[in-house]
Protein backbone atom coordinates (compact mmCIF):
# COMPACT_ATOMS: atom_id res chain seq x y z
CA UNK A 1 15.23 -16.92 -17.96
CA UNK A 2 16.56 -18.47 -14.79
CA UNK A 3 14.34 -19.83 -12.03
CA UNK A 4 15.61 -17.23 -9.53
CA UNK A 5 14.40 -14.35 -11.68
CA UNK A 6 10.99 -16.03 -12.03
CA UNK A 7 10.63 -16.17 -8.21
CA UNK A 8 11.79 -12.62 -7.53
CA UNK A 9 8.26 -11.19 -7.55
CA UNK A 10 7.21 -13.74 -4.93
CA UNK A 11 10.22 -12.94 -2.76
CA UNK A 12 9.39 -9.24 -3.05
CA UNK A 13 5.78 -9.98 -2.12
CA UNK A 14 6.84 -12.01 0.90
CA UNK A 15 9.23 -9.25 1.97
CA UNK A 16 6.42 -6.72 1.54
CA UNK A 17 4.15 -8.78 3.80
CA UNK A 18 6.80 -9.16 6.51
CA UNK A 19 7.59 -5.43 6.43
CA UNK A 20 3.85 -4.62 6.45
CA UNK A 21 3.28 -6.76 9.56
CA UNK A 22 6.31 -5.28 11.36
CA UNK A 23 5.01 -1.75 10.67
CA UNK A 24 1.90 -2.40 12.76
CA UNK A 25 4.02 -2.92 15.89
CA UNK A 26 6.04 0.27 15.46
CA UNK A 27 5.11 3.84 16.40
CA UNK A 28 3.40 5.31 13.33
CA UNK A 29 1.87 8.67 14.19
CA UNK A 30 2.23 10.78 17.31
CA UNK A 31 1.80 8.27 20.15
CA UNK A 32 -0.08 5.65 18.08
CA UNK A 33 1.29 2.37 16.80
CA UNK A 34 0.43 1.07 13.36
CA UNK A 35 -2.32 -1.03 14.97
CA UNK A 36 -3.73 2.01 16.78
CA UNK A 37 -3.65 4.04 13.56
CA UNK A 38 -5.49 1.26 11.73
CA UNK A 39 -8.04 1.07 14.56
CA UNK A 40 -8.59 4.83 14.32
CA UNK A 41 -9.24 4.56 10.58
CA UNK A 42 -11.46 1.50 11.09
CA UNK A 43 -13.51 3.36 13.72
CA UNK A 44 -13.81 6.29 11.32
CA UNK A 45 -15.06 3.97 8.57
CA UNK A 46 -17.72 2.63 10.93
CA UNK A 47 -18.73 6.13 12.06
CA UNK A 48 -17.28 5.70 15.56
CA UNK A 49 -14.30 8.06 15.22
CA UNK A 50 -13.20 8.82 18.81
CA UNK A 51 -13.05 12.61 18.58
CA UNK A 52 -16.34 12.79 16.66
CA UNK A 53 -14.94 15.33 14.20
CA UNK A 54 -15.35 13.23 11.06
CA UNK A 55 -18.85 12.75 9.69
CA UNK A 56 -19.78 9.77 7.55
CA UNK A 57 -19.54 10.49 3.80
CA UNK A 58 -17.41 13.60 4.41
CA UNK A 59 -14.06 14.06 2.70
CA UNK A 60 -12.23 12.99 5.87
CA UNK A 61 -14.37 9.89 6.14
CA UNK A 62 -13.50 8.84 2.58
CA UNK A 63 -9.82 9.64 3.13
CA UNK A 64 -9.42 7.63 6.37
CA UNK A 65 -11.63 4.82 5.03
CA UNK A 66 -9.25 4.65 2.08
CA UNK A 67 -6.49 3.58 4.45
CA UNK A 68 -8.66 0.73 5.72
CA UNK A 69 -9.38 -0.39 2.16
CA UNK A 70 -5.71 -0.10 1.20
CA UNK A 71 -4.67 -2.28 4.13
CA UNK A 72 -7.26 -4.92 3.29
CA UNK A 73 -6.32 -4.83 -0.40
CA UNK A 74 -2.63 -5.11 0.53
CA UNK A 75 -3.15 -8.53 2.11
CA UNK A 76 -5.30 -9.67 -0.82
CA UNK A 77 -2.79 -8.41 -3.38
CA UNK A 78 0.09 -10.22 -1.67
CA UNK A 79 -1.96 -13.44 -1.60
CA UNK A 80 -2.80 -13.00 -5.29
CA UNK A 81 0.91 -12.88 -6.14
CA UNK A 82 1.13 -16.49 -4.97
CA UNK A 83 -2.27 -17.87 -5.89
CA UNK A 84 -3.34 -16.56 -9.29
CA UNK A 85 -2.11 -15.22 -12.59
CA UNK A 86 -5.40 -13.66 -13.68
CA UNK A 87 -5.96 -9.89 -13.92
CA UNK A 88 -2.30 -9.09 -13.21
CA UNK A 89 -2.42 -5.71 -14.88
CA UNK A 90 -5.49 -4.68 -12.87
CA UNK A 91 -3.88 -5.83 -9.62
CA UNK A 92 -0.76 -3.86 -10.53
CA UNK A 93 -2.87 -0.74 -10.88
CA UNK A 94 -4.56 -1.46 -7.53
CA UNK A 95 -1.17 -1.90 -5.86
CA UNK A 96 -0.05 1.46 -7.27
CA UNK A 97 -3.26 3.18 -6.11
CA UNK A 98 -2.78 1.73 -2.61
CA UNK A 99 0.82 2.96 -2.58
CA UNK A 100 -0.32 6.46 -3.60
CA UNK A 101 -2.99 6.41 -0.86
CA UNK A 102 -0.31 5.54 1.71
CA UNK A 103 2.07 8.16 0.30
CA UNK A 104 -0.63 10.85 0.44
CA UNK A 105 -0.29 11.15 4.21
CA UNK A 106 3.34 12.26 3.91
CA UNK A 107 2.57 14.51 0.94
CA UNK A 108 -0.28 16.27 2.75
CA UNK A 109 1.81 16.82 5.85
CA UNK A 110 4.71 18.11 3.76
CA UNK A 111 2.44 20.52 1.87
CA UNK A 112 1.01 21.85 5.14
CA UNK A 113 4.39 23.43 5.81
CA UNK A 114 4.21 22.74 9.54
CA UNK A 115 7.38 20.99 10.76
CA UNK A 116 5.48 19.70 13.81
CA UNK A 117 3.22 17.65 11.55
CA UNK A 118 6.15 16.03 9.75
CA UNK A 119 7.76 15.09 13.07
CA UNK A 120 4.46 13.53 14.20
CA UNK A 121 5.01 10.85 11.54
CA UNK A 122 7.06 8.07 13.11
CA UNK A 123 9.19 5.21 11.79
CA UNK A 124 6.27 2.76 11.55
CA UNK A 125 4.64 4.89 8.86
CA UNK A 126 7.80 4.86 6.75
CA UNK A 127 8.16 1.09 7.21
CA UNK A 128 4.49 0.72 6.19
CA UNK A 129 5.12 2.89 3.12
CA UNK A 130 8.14 0.76 2.16
CA UNK A 131 5.88 -2.32 2.32
CA UNK A 132 3.57 -0.74 -0.27
CA UNK A 133 6.57 0.18 -2.42
CA UNK A 134 7.77 -3.43 -2.29
CA UNK A 135 4.32 -4.64 -3.31
CA UNK A 136 4.25 -2.34 -6.35
CA UNK A 137 7.77 -3.47 -7.23
CA UNK A 138 6.70 -7.14 -6.99
CA UNK A 139 3.84 -6.55 -9.42
CA UNK A 140 5.98 -4.56 -11.83
CA UNK A 141 8.65 -7.27 -11.70
CA UNK A 142 6.07 -9.95 -12.40
CA UNK A 143 4.70 -7.95 -15.32
CA UNK A 144 8.18 -7.37 -16.75
CA UNK A 145 8.76 -11.14 -16.87
CA UNK A 146 5.31 -11.99 -18.22
CA UNK A 147 4.93 -9.00 -20.55
CA UNK A 148 8.31 -9.38 -22.19
CA UNK A 149 8.02 -13.06 -22.87
CA UNK A 150 10.22 -13.89 -19.91
CA UNK A 151 13.15 -11.66 -20.87
CA UNK A 152 12.71 -9.14 -18.03
CA UNK A 153 11.58 -6.23 -20.20
CA UNK A 154 9.81 -3.08 -19.07
CA UNK A 155 6.23 -3.70 -17.86
CA UNK A 156 3.32 -1.97 -19.54
CA UNK A 157 0.43 -1.11 -17.21
CA UNK A 158 -1.83 0.30 -19.90
CA UNK A 159 -2.10 -1.14 -23.38
CA UNK A 160 -4.56 -0.13 -26.08
CA UNK A 161 -6.71 1.75 -23.55
CA UNK A 162 -7.29 -1.31 -21.37
CA UNK A 163 -6.00 -2.36 -17.97
C-alpha cells in the first residue's frame, strides 16, 4: 500500500471541508445564502423561527433541527478523520446519515412535483450536498484501507450485527 493511498481519505476530508465552507457563501435557497439557511434552521431549533409557523417538537422542528445537527456533526466528523482512529464504523454511519439528511431536501422538493420548488434550490445547496458526499467517500475510503488490511478492499459498515 503506497503512502498516497493511505492519505486519500484525509485529502477527501479536507476537500469536503473546503467545499462545505464555500457552500455557506453561495445562494442556497430562494434568496438565502448557506449562512442564512443555517441561521433559519438554528432559529427554528431555538424556537425563534421568523415566520412562527414551526412549533417546537413538531415534525418541522425536528426536520430543520436535523440540518443544524448535521452541520455541527460535519465539522466534528472531518476533525475526527485527522485526529482519531476510534469508532470509525460508527462515524461512517453518522456521515451517511448526515448525507441522507442533506439529500432529503432535494428529494422532498422533487416528490412535491412543483417545478417552482426545485428552482428555489440554488447552487450553494448542491455544493453543500457535494461536501457531504465527499465526507462519506472519505470515511468509506478509510474503511476500505483499514478493513481490508491495507489492500483497498470494499468497506463493510455492518458486521455481525454491530456498527
